[in-house]
Amino acid sequence: MPVDLSLNARLVLEILTGFIADETRRAGFSRVVVGLSGGLDSALAACLARRALGARGVIAVLMPHSQSHPASLKDAAALARRLKVRAETRDISAQVEAYFASDKSASRARRGNKMARERMSILYDLSVVHEALVLGTSNKTELLLGYGTLHGDMASGINPLGDLYKTQVRQLAAHVKVPAAILAKTPTADLWPQQTDEKELGLSYAEADQILSLLVDERRPRAEIVASGWPARLVDRVIRKVTASQFKRRLPLIAKISARTVGIDFRYPRDWGT
């Protein structure tokens, strides 16, 4: 029997808009910057931020590359206009191509990672310009499978989508009326022509979300998940990806020397007097 991943969209919307408003202000900011790609996740994050902080509280940054699909920039710009938020465009083609000018043999993976990190460096630079917090757009499926670039699209100040599986992102996006052109898109990081998320992952988001929910949320052992009807090859693929990408989900490990070490002992609320 499939796991029920349906949301109480109205309640989740209330929680996430409150999260964005509270955590942005707790960090000392009143605005966020968000990279608007023309895809579903960033569209939903922008819509949530607009509800939480108002139009003046959101700066949308469009960062196309020469290999990006033309529809990506078009859809991102249309959404920014619809939300009535400030939009800035920073084409990343020149700096990415300059970096690889002396290394024409660079793989797609290297180029894709460079694009992701170039975009995040721009967001963090503009966060200083606008005195704003960087809003994350990675969903729970991507975080668990490690489908993202460390210090690239996985970086952020706060992330409202990190506990929503991709299928749940789609549900909430429909609820807040993300434009149909974006809802209907095949999920892609748009790092090279014809790239799709599911092709890269080797399974569909629907499959990944079901298996991840059993594995992570319900803590079911592998044997039980396979016995429930899921092909062993898919279950094993998911487990391998979750295990191999653990390093992406934690701060860099610090070798312990003293009695109070950042990220190990020095991390409790009482350390801040609360």
Protein backbone atom coordinates (compact mmCIF):
# COMPACT_ATOMS: atom_id res chain seq x y z
CA MET A 1 0.00 0.00 0.00
CA PRO A 2 1.43 3.43 -0.95
CA VAL A 3 2.41 5.83 1.79
CA ASP A 4 -0.01 8.75 2.05
CA LEU A 5 2.07 11.87 1.45
CA SER A 6 -0.88 14.21 1.10
CA LEU A 7 -0.62 17.52 2.93
CA ASN A 8 -2.97 19.68 4.92
CA ALA A 9 -1.90 22.45 2.57
CA ARG A 10 -3.57 25.26 4.49
CA LEU A 11 -1.84 24.29 7.75
CA VAL A 12 1.55 23.75 6.10
CA LEU A 13 1.25 27.12 4.37
CA GLU A 14 0.60 28.79 7.72
CA ILE A 15 3.57 27.03 9.34
CA LEU A 16 6.02 27.84 6.55
CA THR A 17 5.05 31.49 6.16
CA GLY A 18 5.39 31.88 9.92
CA PHE A 19 8.77 30.14 9.77
CA ILE A 20 10.07 32.50 7.10
CA ALA A 21 8.81 35.61 8.87
CA ASP A 22 10.05 34.58 12.33
CA GLU A 23 13.46 33.21 11.32
CA THR A 24 14.25 36.07 8.96
CA ARG A 25 13.59 38.59 11.70
CA ARG A 26 15.31 36.47 14.33
CA ALA A 27 18.46 36.64 12.19
CA GLY A 28 18.15 40.44 12.11
CA PHE A 29 16.77 40.86 8.59
CA SER A 30 13.49 41.97 7.03
CA ARG A 31 14.19 40.72 3.49
CA VAL A 32 15.31 37.59 1.67
CA VAL A 33 17.03 37.00 -1.64
CA VAL A 34 16.01 33.93 -3.61
CA GLY A 35 17.41 32.51 -6.81
CA LEU A 36 14.43 32.21 -9.14
CA SER A 37 15.22 29.55 -11.74
CA GLY A 38 11.87 29.13 -13.43
CA GLY A 39 11.49 25.75 -11.72
CA LEU A 40 8.97 24.53 -9.16
CA ASP A 41 10.98 24.64 -5.92
CA SER A 42 12.26 28.19 -6.26
CA ALA A 43 8.83 29.33 -7.44
CA LEU A 44 7.19 27.94 -4.31
CA ALA A 45 9.89 29.39 -2.05
CA ALA A 46 9.36 32.82 -3.61
CA CYS A 47 5.59 32.58 -3.22
CA LEU A 48 5.94 31.62 0.44
CA ALA A 49 8.38 34.47 1.08
CA ARG A 50 6.05 36.95 -0.63
CA ARG A 51 3.23 35.88 1.69
CA ALA A 52 5.49 36.02 4.74
CA LEU A 53 7.38 39.25 4.13
CA GLY A 54 5.39 41.17 1.52
CA ALA A 55 6.54 42.32 -1.88
CA ARG A 56 9.29 44.57 -0.48
CA GLY A 57 10.67 41.69 1.55
CA VAL A 58 11.67 39.57 -1.45
CA ILE A 59 14.43 40.10 -4.01
CA ALA A 60 14.28 37.55 -6.82
CA VAL A 61 17.54 36.93 -8.65
CA LEU A 62 17.46 35.40 -12.14
CA MET A 63 20.78 33.82 -13.11
CA PRO A 64 20.67 32.34 -16.61
CA HIS A 65 23.51 30.66 -18.46
CA SER A 66 23.84 30.49 -22.22
CA GLN A 67 22.87 26.79 -22.05
CA SER A 68 19.77 27.43 -19.95
CA HIS A 69 16.43 26.71 -21.57
CA PRO A 70 14.84 29.98 -22.78
CA ALA A 71 11.61 29.11 -20.95
CA SER A 72 13.46 29.15 -17.61
CA LEU A 73 14.20 32.87 -17.70
CA LYS A 74 10.82 33.68 -19.20
CA ASP A 75 8.89 31.79 -16.52
CA ALA A 76 11.03 33.17 -13.68
CA ALA A 77 10.54 36.75 -14.89
CA ALA A 78 6.79 36.21 -15.30
CA LEU A 79 6.50 34.92 -11.74
CA ALA A 80 8.47 37.86 -10.33
CA ARG A 81 6.10 40.25 -12.12
CA ARG A 82 3.08 38.35 -10.85
CA LEU A 83 4.37 38.51 -7.26
CA LYS A 84 5.31 42.18 -7.75
CA VAL A 85 8.73 41.60 -6.20
CA ARG A 86 12.01 43.20 -7.20
CA ALA A 87 13.84 41.10 -9.80
CA GLU A 88 17.49 41.32 -10.81
CA THR A 89 19.14 39.38 -13.62
CA ARG A 90 22.76 38.24 -13.43
CA ASP A 91 23.89 36.20 -16.43
CA ILE A 92 26.58 33.74 -15.27
CA SER A 93 27.82 32.72 -18.73
CA ALA A 94 30.89 34.98 -18.85
CA GLN A 95 32.43 33.94 -15.54
CA VAL A 96 31.70 30.23 -15.97
CA GLU A 97 33.09 30.14 -19.51
CA ALA A 98 36.13 32.19 -18.49
CA TYR A 99 36.90 29.68 -15.75
CA PHE A 100 36.76 26.72 -18.15
CA ALA A 101 38.43 28.51 -21.08
CA SER A 102 41.71 26.68 -20.47
CA ASP A 103 40.04 23.35 -19.69
CA LYS A 104 37.74 22.47 -22.56
CA SER A 105 37.59 18.83 -21.44
CA ALA A 106 35.74 19.67 -18.19
CA SER A 107 32.91 17.21 -17.55
CA ARG A 108 29.25 18.14 -17.35
CA ALA A 109 29.34 17.45 -13.61
CA ARG A 110 32.17 19.93 -13.06
CA ARG A 111 30.50 22.58 -15.18
CA GLY A 112 27.17 22.00 -13.43
CA ASN A 113 28.74 22.30 -10.00
CA LYS A 114 30.52 25.48 -11.04
CA MET A 115 27.25 26.99 -12.27
CA ALA A 116 25.48 26.12 -9.02
CA ARG A 117 28.26 27.60 -6.89
CA GLU A 118 28.55 30.68 -9.11
CA ARG A 119 24.85 31.33 -8.60
CA MET A 120 25.09 30.92 -4.85
CA SER A 121 28.10 33.26 -4.66
CA ILE A 122 25.97 35.87 -6.43
CA LEU A 123 23.08 35.36 -4.02
CA TYR A 124 25.35 35.79 -1.01
CA ASP A 125 26.93 38.90 -2.54
CA LEU A 126 23.51 40.42 -3.18
CA SER A 127 22.40 39.46 0.30
CA VAL A 128 24.99 41.97 1.54
CA VAL A 129 23.87 44.61 -0.95
CA HIS A 130 20.21 44.26 0.08
CA GLU A 131 20.83 43.38 3.74
CA ALA A 132 18.86 40.20 3.20
CA LEU A 133 18.95 36.54 4.14
CA VAL A 134 19.48 33.89 1.46
CA LEU A 135 16.36 31.75 1.13
CA GLY A 136 16.94 28.06 0.39
CA THR A 137 15.00 26.04 -2.18
CA SER A 138 16.20 22.43 -1.69
CA ASN A 139 13.42 19.96 -0.89
CA LYS A 140 13.58 16.92 1.39
CA THR A 141 13.97 14.45 -1.48
CA GLU A 142 16.99 16.30 -2.85
CA LEU A 143 18.57 16.71 0.58
CA LEU A 144 18.20 13.04 1.47
CA LEU A 145 19.45 11.78 -1.89
CA GLY A 146 22.29 14.30 -2.00
CA TYR A 147 20.92 15.66 -5.27
CA GLY A 148 22.42 19.10 -5.02
CA THR A 149 25.73 20.92 -4.96
CA LEU A 150 27.45 21.51 -1.63
CA HIS A 151 27.99 25.27 -1.20
CA GLY A 152 25.85 25.69 -4.32
CA ASP A 153 22.09 25.22 -4.45
CA MET A 154 22.16 23.41 -1.08
CA ALA A 155 23.42 26.54 0.71
CA SER A 156 21.08 29.01 2.41
CA GLY A 157 20.36 31.02 5.50
CA ILE A 158 16.97 29.38 6.06
CA ASN A 159 15.14 26.73 4.06
CA PRO A 160 11.32 26.47 4.14
CA LEU A 161 11.16 23.47 1.78
CA GLY A 162 13.68 21.10 3.37
CA ASP A 163 11.06 18.97 5.14
CA LEU A 164 8.77 18.61 2.12
CA TYR A 165 9.20 15.75 -0.32
CA LYS A 166 9.10 16.73 -3.99
CA THR A 167 5.57 15.37 -4.40
CA GLN A 168 4.52 17.52 -1.42
CA VAL A 169 6.20 20.57 -2.92
CA ARG A 170 4.02 20.04 -5.96
CA GLN A 171 0.89 19.81 -3.79
CA LEU A 172 1.66 23.02 -1.93
CA ALA A 173 2.66 24.80 -5.13
CA ALA A 174 -0.72 23.95 -6.63
CA HIS A 175 -2.43 25.21 -3.47
CA VAL A 176 -0.73 28.62 -3.67
CA LYS A 177 -1.42 28.73 -7.40
CA VAL A 178 2.09 28.64 -8.81
CA PRO A 179 1.64 29.25 -12.56
CA ALA A 180 0.59 26.23 -14.61
CA ALA A 181 3.60 26.64 -16.92
CA ILE A 182 5.90 25.98 -13.97
CA LEU A 183 3.76 23.24 -12.40
CA ALA A 184 3.72 21.32 -15.67
CA LYS A 185 7.49 21.36 -16.21
CA THR A 186 9.62 18.23 -16.09
CA PRO A 187 11.89 18.72 -13.04
CA THR A 188 15.40 19.74 -14.08
CA ALA A 189 18.39 21.60 -12.69
CA ASP A 190 18.73 23.06 -16.22
CA LEU A 191 22.51 22.73 -16.19
CA TRP A 192 22.75 21.32 -19.72
CA PRO A 193 20.32 20.61 -22.57
CA GLN A 194 17.85 17.73 -22.04
CA GLN A 195 18.93 17.23 -18.43
CA THR A 196 16.20 15.97 -16.09
CA ASP A 197 16.30 15.27 -12.37
CA GLU A 198 14.77 11.83 -12.66
CA LYS A 199 17.20 10.77 -15.38
CA GLU A 200 20.08 11.82 -13.15
CA LEU A 201 18.63 10.07 -10.10
CA GLY A 202 17.73 6.87 -11.92
CA LEU A 203 14.19 6.78 -10.51
CA SER A 204 11.11 8.97 -10.42
CA TYR A 205 10.35 11.42 -7.63
CA ALA A 206 7.18 9.48 -6.88
CA GLU A 207 9.22 6.31 -6.36
CA ALA A 208 11.93 8.09 -4.37
CA ASP A 209 9.46 9.81 -2.08
CA GLN A 210 7.62 6.59 -1.26
CA ILE A 211 10.82 4.68 -0.48
CA LEU A 212 12.36 7.58 1.46
CA SER A 213 9.22 7.97 3.54
CA LEU A 214 9.33 4.31 4.53
CA LEU A 215 13.07 4.39 5.15
CA VAL A 216 13.40 7.72 6.94
CA ASP A 217 10.04 8.74 8.41
CA GLU A 218 8.75 5.28 9.29
CA ARG A 219 12.21 3.79 9.94
CA ARG A 220 11.39 0.60 8.09
CA PRO A 221 14.30 -1.81 7.48
CA ARG A 222 15.36 -2.62 3.92
CA ALA A 223 13.94 -6.14 4.04
CA GLU A 224 10.51 -4.87 5.06
CA ILE A 225 10.45 -2.24 2.30
CA VAL A 226 11.36 -4.85 -0.32
CA ALA A 227 8.80 -7.28 1.11
CA SER A 228 6.14 -4.60 0.75
CA GLY A 229 6.61 -4.75 -3.02
CA TRP A 230 9.36 -2.29 -3.86
CA PRO A 231 12.06 -3.63 -6.22
CA ALA A 232 15.28 -4.35 -4.35
CA ARG A 233 17.34 -2.46 -6.96
CA LEU A 234 15.38 0.76 -6.33
CA VAL A 235 15.50 0.41 -2.56
CA ASP A 236 19.23 -0.24 -2.69
CA ARG A 237 19.77 2.73 -5.01
CA VAL A 238 17.98 5.02 -2.56
CA ILE A 239 19.86 3.63 0.45
CA ARG A 240 23.21 4.06 -1.32
CA LYS A 241 22.43 7.66 -2.21
CA VAL A 242 21.26 8.55 1.29
CA THR A 243 24.32 6.93 2.87
CA ALA A 244 26.86 8.33 0.42
CA SER A 245 25.55 11.90 0.72
CA GLN A 246 25.53 12.16 4.52
CA PHE A 247 28.54 14.50 4.40
CA LYS A 248 26.39 17.04 2.52
CA ARG A 249 23.88 17.26 5.36
CA ARG A 250 26.20 18.28 8.18
CA LEU A 251 28.67 21.00 9.02
CA PRO A 252 32.33 20.15 8.40
CA LEU A 253 33.64 17.89 11.14
CA ILE A 254 36.07 19.58 13.51
CA ALA A 255 38.83 17.59 15.21
CA LYS A 256 38.14 17.76 18.94
CA ILE A 257 40.92 19.21 21.12
CA SER A 258 39.23 21.31 23.81
CA ALA A 259 36.39 20.74 26.28
CA ARG A 260 33.93 22.80 24.21
CA THR A 261 34.09 22.28 20.45
CA VAL A 262 31.98 24.09 17.84
CA GLY A 263 29.40 21.71 16.37
CA ILE A 264 30.03 19.02 18.99
CA ASP A 265 29.66 20.37 22.52
CA PHE A 266 28.98 24.05 21.83
CA ARG A 267 25.57 23.84 20.21
CA TYR A 268 22.86 23.96 22.86
CA PRO A 269 20.28 26.72 23.50
CA ARG A 270 21.77 27.28 26.95
CA ASP A 271 25.05 28.26 25.28
CA TRP A 272 23.25 31.42 24.15
CA GLY A 273 21.65 32.09 27.53
CA THR A 274 18.21 30.85 26.43
